[in-house]
């Protein structure tokens, strides 16, 4: 999923990166964002991060990083240890009232991510579980694990007519068969969807109210208008090399991301691929 294709259909979800790296550790350089929020979920392994205040930390398997860029910030990261690391990073378009607002960083340890049945709530609410992260708009983002033969039913909240799923592992009927690295986008509807795992399966699911704004794209930025994009990119340049003025909060911080494919990485160490972690 990227802004020019599925991102235009599924906004406020504009970019989804399935990262799957096995190899030596590396460090990615700092890079900027504006106008979006990124949510990184680590399914396996451990990633390192450098936050906008140049604070370093690590995010273990099951952990979550929320980075609401607002008007603009710089951050980075990489891998501290050799071995396999995999997970998802999602970009969410911010509404006009937040796209030029302050930067907010939140890091959640695995035990702080709420769950209800097979679903862990990365953003929004499901059943009795609600994320401590304040969603910028009506959004649910879940990671679900099912054993072979298990079924699970998702009923979107009222107004959530945008719905998609993407597989990290296994085989899923949704109702068509989906495999590792594949993404399915559902027709706009508020109807419930039933899933069946044909093997032990892990997948992410996003539902939301539609983002009723244009996607105006920069290299690392997404805004709702050309004026907002110019403002964000100018701010990014003005703070380069200096600590970003922002609000910082965290949980257990700093000790402690039709059918198609999400953007998928295997064994690469390009800065932008893992730098966003």
Protein backbone atom coordinates (compact mmCIF):
# COMPACT_ATOMS: atom_id res chain seq x y z
CA UNK A 1 0.00 0.00 0.00
CA UNK A 2 1.36 3.40 -0.95
CA UNK A 3 -0.27 6.85 -1.39
CA UNK A 4 -0.69 6.78 -5.21
CA UNK A 5 -2.47 3.39 -5.28
CA UNK A 6 -4.27 1.67 -2.37
CA UNK A 7 -3.53 4.67 -0.15
CA UNK A 8 -5.86 6.81 -2.26
CA UNK A 9 -8.61 4.21 -1.86
CA UNK A 10 -8.02 3.39 1.81
CA UNK A 11 -7.17 6.82 3.24
CA UNK A 12 -6.60 7.76 6.08
CA UNK A 13 -4.36 4.66 5.69
CA UNK A 14 -1.84 5.78 3.08
CA UNK A 15 1.20 3.49 3.32
CA UNK A 16 1.87 0.01 4.70
CA UNK A 17 5.34 -1.52 4.85
CA UNK A 18 5.86 -5.19 5.69
CA UNK A 19 9.50 -5.37 6.79
CA UNK A 20 11.22 -8.74 6.98
CA UNK A 21 14.98 -8.53 7.48
CA UNK A 22 17.42 -11.30 8.26
CA UNK A 23 21.07 -10.38 8.42
CA UNK A 24 23.61 -8.20 10.20
CA UNK A 25 22.69 -5.17 12.35
CA UNK A 26 22.76 -1.68 10.87
CA UNK A 27 22.00 1.95 11.71
CA UNK A 28 19.86 4.17 9.51
CA UNK A 29 20.38 7.94 9.30
CA UNK A 30 17.91 10.49 10.56
CA UNK A 31 15.15 11.47 8.14
CA UNK A 32 12.06 13.74 8.32
CA UNK A 33 8.27 13.44 8.19
CA UNK A 34 5.36 15.87 8.30
CA UNK A 35 1.60 15.67 7.98
CA UNK A 36 1.34 12.01 8.99
CA UNK A 37 1.48 9.65 11.93
CA UNK A 38 3.45 6.41 11.73
CA UNK A 39 2.71 3.30 13.78
CA UNK A 40 5.34 0.58 13.88
CA UNK A 41 4.55 -2.89 15.24
CA UNK A 42 7.38 -5.38 15.76
CA UNK A 43 6.23 -8.98 15.31
CA UNK A 44 9.65 -10.60 15.73
CA UNK A 45 13.09 -9.37 16.75
CA UNK A 46 14.06 -5.99 18.19
CA UNK A 47 14.50 -2.61 16.51
CA UNK A 48 16.33 0.48 17.71
CA UNK A 49 15.08 4.03 17.41
CA UNK A 50 16.33 7.60 17.60
CA UNK A 51 13.48 9.91 18.51
CA UNK A 52 13.10 13.59 17.55
CA UNK A 53 14.96 14.64 20.73
CA UNK A 54 17.88 12.38 19.74
CA UNK A 55 16.98 9.93 22.53
CA UNK A 56 17.89 6.33 21.69
CA UNK A 57 15.99 3.23 22.74
CA UNK A 58 14.84 -0.21 21.64
CA UNK A 59 11.46 -1.66 20.75
CA UNK A 60 11.07 -5.41 21.40
CA UNK A 61 8.80 -7.94 19.70
CA UNK A 62 5.19 -7.07 20.45
CA UNK A 63 6.04 -3.40 21.07
CA UNK A 64 4.57 -0.36 19.36
CA UNK A 65 6.00 2.99 18.31
CA UNK A 66 3.62 5.87 17.57
CA UNK A 67 5.14 8.92 15.93
CA UNK A 68 2.73 11.75 15.14
CA UNK A 69 4.85 14.03 12.99
CA UNK A 70 2.53 17.04 12.83
CA UNK A 71 4.30 20.03 11.31
CA UNK A 72 7.56 18.12 11.05
CA UNK A 73 10.29 16.20 12.84
CA UNK A 74 13.39 14.06 12.28
CA UNK A 75 13.95 10.52 13.59
CA UNK A 76 15.77 7.30 12.73
CA UNK A 77 16.71 3.82 13.85
CA UNK A 78 17.94 0.41 12.77
CA UNK A 79 18.74 -3.04 14.11
CA UNK A 80 21.05 -3.68 17.06
CA UNK A 81 21.35 -7.45 16.69
CA UNK A 82 21.80 -9.93 13.86
CA UNK A 83 18.94 -12.29 13.11
CA UNK A 84 15.41 -11.98 11.79
CA UNK A 85 13.28 -8.90 12.40
CA UNK A 86 9.81 -8.47 10.95
CA UNK A 87 6.74 -6.35 11.45
CA UNK A 88 4.61 -3.63 9.91
CA UNK A 89 4.84 0.11 9.64
CA UNK A 90 1.68 2.04 8.83
CA UNK A 91 1.37 5.68 7.76
CA UNK A 92 -1.84 7.53 8.63
CA UNK A 93 -2.84 10.84 7.04
CA UNK A 94 -3.56 13.49 9.67
CA UNK A 95 -6.63 15.74 9.43
CA UNK A 96 -6.12 19.48 8.83
CA UNK A 97 -6.36 20.35 12.53
CA UNK A 98 -3.36 18.08 13.33
CA UNK A 99 -1.19 18.04 10.19
CA UNK A 100 0.66 21.20 11.27
CA UNK A 101 0.41 20.50 14.99
CA UNK A 102 3.03 19.36 17.53
CA UNK A 103 5.02 16.14 17.27
CA UNK A 104 4.00 13.36 19.69
CA UNK A 105 5.98 10.17 20.38
CA UNK A 106 4.67 7.19 22.32
CA UNK A 107 6.45 3.87 22.91
CA UNK A 108 4.49 0.90 24.24
CA UNK A 109 6.07 -2.21 25.70
CA UNK A 110 4.37 -5.51 24.71
CA UNK A 111 2.53 -5.80 28.03
CA UNK A 112 1.03 -2.34 27.53
CA UNK A 113 -0.71 -3.25 24.25
CA UNK A 114 -4.32 -4.18 25.20
CA UNK A 115 -5.99 -7.28 23.81
CA UNK A 116 -9.40 -8.90 23.49
CA UNK A 117 -9.42 -12.54 22.42
CA UNK A 118 -7.03 -13.08 19.50
CA UNK A 119 -6.82 -9.34 18.72
CA UNK A 120 -4.27 -6.88 20.10
CA UNK A 121 -5.35 -3.26 19.75
CA UNK A 122 -2.59 -1.10 18.28
CA UNK A 123 -4.87 1.90 17.77
CA UNK A 124 -8.53 2.53 18.56
CA UNK A 125 -10.79 0.02 20.32
CA UNK A 126 -12.06 -3.53 19.94
CA UNK A 127 -14.35 -5.35 22.37
CA UNK A 128 -13.22 -4.52 25.90
CA UNK A 129 -9.76 -3.30 24.83
CA UNK A 130 -8.80 0.29 23.96
CA UNK A 131 -5.41 1.68 23.02
CA UNK A 132 -3.91 4.37 25.24
CA UNK A 133 -2.79 6.19 22.08
CA UNK A 134 -5.18 8.97 21.09
CA UNK A 135 -6.22 8.28 17.50
CA UNK A 136 -6.16 11.36 15.23
CA UNK A 137 -9.47 10.29 13.62
CA UNK A 138 -11.92 7.35 13.94
CA UNK A 139 -9.53 4.41 13.32
CA UNK A 140 -9.08 0.84 14.51
CA UNK A 141 -5.81 -0.95 13.84
CA UNK A 142 -5.47 -4.50 15.18
CA UNK A 143 -3.00 -7.37 14.99
CA UNK A 144 -4.73 -10.75 15.09
CA UNK A 145 -3.30 -14.24 15.64
CA UNK A 146 -5.38 -17.32 14.80
CA UNK A 147 -4.46 -20.97 15.01
CA UNK A 148 -5.21 -23.29 12.09
CA UNK A 149 -8.95 -23.86 11.85
CA UNK A 150 -9.95 -20.91 14.05
CA UNK A 151 -12.54 -18.38 12.91
CA UNK A 152 -12.85 -14.75 13.91
CA UNK A 153 -15.47 -12.13 13.08
CA UNK A 154 -14.85 -8.38 12.91
CA UNK A 155 -17.72 -5.93 13.07
CA UNK A 156 -16.58 -2.38 12.16
CA UNK A 157 -17.82 0.46 14.37
CA UNK A 158 -20.47 2.78 12.88
CA UNK A 159 -18.95 4.97 10.17
CA UNK A 160 -15.95 2.68 9.57
CA UNK A 161 -16.53 1.99 5.87
CA UNK A 162 -12.82 1.65 5.04
CA UNK A 163 -11.53 -1.89 5.77
CA UNK A 164 -8.44 -3.90 4.79
CA UNK A 165 -6.26 -6.76 6.05
CA UNK A 166 -2.62 -7.71 5.35
CA UNK A 167 -0.89 -10.99 6.19
CA UNK A 168 2.34 -11.31 8.13
CA UNK A 169 2.29 -15.12 8.10
CA UNK A 170 0.03 -18.10 7.44
CA UNK A 171 -3.00 -18.53 5.17
CA UNK A 172 -6.32 -16.76 5.68
CA UNK A 173 -9.77 -16.95 4.08
CA UNK A 174 -11.28 -13.46 3.95
CA UNK A 175 -13.31 -14.92 2.09
CA UNK A 176 -10.72 -15.28 -0.71
CA UNK A 177 -7.45 -16.94 0.21
CA UNK A 178 -4.63 -14.65 1.35
CA UNK A 179 -1.00 -15.52 2.01
CA UNK A 180 2.14 -13.90 3.44
CA UNK A 181 2.69 -10.40 2.09
CA UNK A 182 -0.76 -10.02 0.52
CA UNK A 183 -3.27 -7.26 1.26
CA UNK A 184 -7.04 -7.32 0.70
CA UNK A 185 -9.13 -4.14 0.52
CA UNK A 186 -12.88 -4.53 1.02
CA UNK A 187 -15.61 -2.60 -0.75
CA UNK A 188 -16.92 0.37 1.29
CA UNK A 189 -19.35 -1.05 3.81
CA UNK A 190 -20.12 -1.24 7.50
CA UNK A 191 -20.88 -4.96 7.40
CA UNK A 192 -19.05 -7.52 9.54
CA UNK A 193 -16.43 -9.80 7.95
CA UNK A 194 -15.57 -13.34 9.00
CA UNK A 195 -12.06 -14.75 8.76
CA UNK A 196 -10.84 -18.35 8.88
CA UNK A 197 -7.21 -19.41 9.35
CA UNK A 198 -6.10 -22.35 7.19
CA UNK A 199 -2.75 -22.41 9.05
CA UNK A 200 -1.37 -20.60 12.09
CA UNK A 201 -1.80 -17.03 10.91
CA UNK A 202 -0.89 -13.49 11.94
CA UNK A 203 -2.38 -10.46 10.19
CA UNK A 204 -3.10 -6.77 10.70
CA UNK A 205 -6.50 -5.21 10.11
CA UNK A 206 -7.40 -1.56 9.65
CA UNK A 207 -10.83 0.06 9.64
CA UNK A 208 -11.70 3.73 9.65
CA UNK A 209 -14.06 6.50 8.71
CA UNK A 210 -13.00 7.84 5.28
CA UNK A 211 -10.43 10.66 5.14
CA UNK A 212 -12.34 13.36 3.22
CA UNK A 213 -9.26 15.26 2.11
CA UNK A 214 -6.78 15.22 -0.76
CA UNK A 215 -3.38 13.53 -0.43
CA UNK A 216 -0.71 16.05 -1.38
CA UNK A 217 2.60 14.22 -1.43
CA UNK A 218 6.15 15.22 -0.56
CA UNK A 219 9.12 12.86 -0.37
CA UNK A 220 8.54 11.93 3.29
CA UNK A 221 5.35 13.92 3.84
CA UNK A 222 1.62 13.73 3.14
CA UNK A 223 -0.62 16.76 3.62
CA UNK A 224 -4.14 17.86 2.74
CA UNK A 225 -3.17 20.91 0.63
CA UNK A 226 -0.15 22.36 -1.22
CA UNK A 227 0.04 25.20 1.32
CA UNK A 228 0.20 22.74 4.23
CA UNK A 229 2.88 20.70 2.44
CA UNK A 230 5.02 23.81 1.86
CA UNK A 231 4.60 24.78 5.53
CA UNK A 232 5.59 21.31 6.75
CA UNK A 233 8.59 20.97 4.46
CA UNK A 234 9.82 24.46 5.36
CA UNK A 235 9.59 23.56 9.04
CA UNK A 236 11.51 20.32 8.45
CA UNK A 237 14.37 22.29 6.90
CA UNK A 238 14.32 24.86 9.70
CA UNK A 239 14.78 22.24 12.44
CA UNK A 240 17.34 20.05 10.67
CA UNK A 241 20.20 19.33 13.04
CA UNK A 242 18.39 20.83 16.04
CA UNK A 243 16.14 19.19 18.68
CA UNK A 244 12.52 19.35 17.66
CA UNK A 245 10.13 21.33 19.81
CA UNK A 246 7.41 18.87 20.65
CA UNK A 247 5.33 17.12 23.29
CA UNK A 248 6.79 13.77 24.30
CA UNK A 249 4.94 11.08 26.20
CA UNK A 250 5.37 7.36 26.61
CA UNK A 251 4.55 4.15 28.35
CA UNK A 252 7.65 2.53 29.87
CA UNK A 253 9.75 5.02 27.93
CA UNK A 254 12.55 5.12 26.95
CA UNK A 255 13.46 1.57 28.00
CA UNK A 256 11.37 -0.12 26.89
CA UNK A 257 5.09 0.32 13.04
CA UNK A 258 -9.54 -5.92 -4.19
CA UNK A 259 -6.13 -7.78 -3.37
CA UNK A 260 -2.64 -6.65 -3.65
CA UNK A 261 0.55 -6.48 -1.66
CA UNK A 262 1.81 -4.10 0.98
CA UNK A 263 5.24 -2.77 0.20
CA UNK A 264 7.47 -5.61 1.30
CA UNK A 265 11.18 -5.60 2.19
CA UNK A 266 13.44 -8.60 2.51
CA UNK A 267 17.02 -8.33 3.73
CA UNK A 268 17.51 -4.69 2.82
CA UNK A 269 19.07 -1.93 4.87
CA UNK A 270 17.99 1.18 3.00
CA UNK A 271 17.71 4.03 5.47
CA UNK A 272 14.05 4.80 4.87
CA UNK A 273 12.97 1.19 5.21
CA UNK A 274 14.01 0.82 8.84
CA UNK A 275 14.97 4.39 9.66
CA UNK A 276 11.30 5.11 10.30
CA UNK A 277 11.43 2.61 13.14
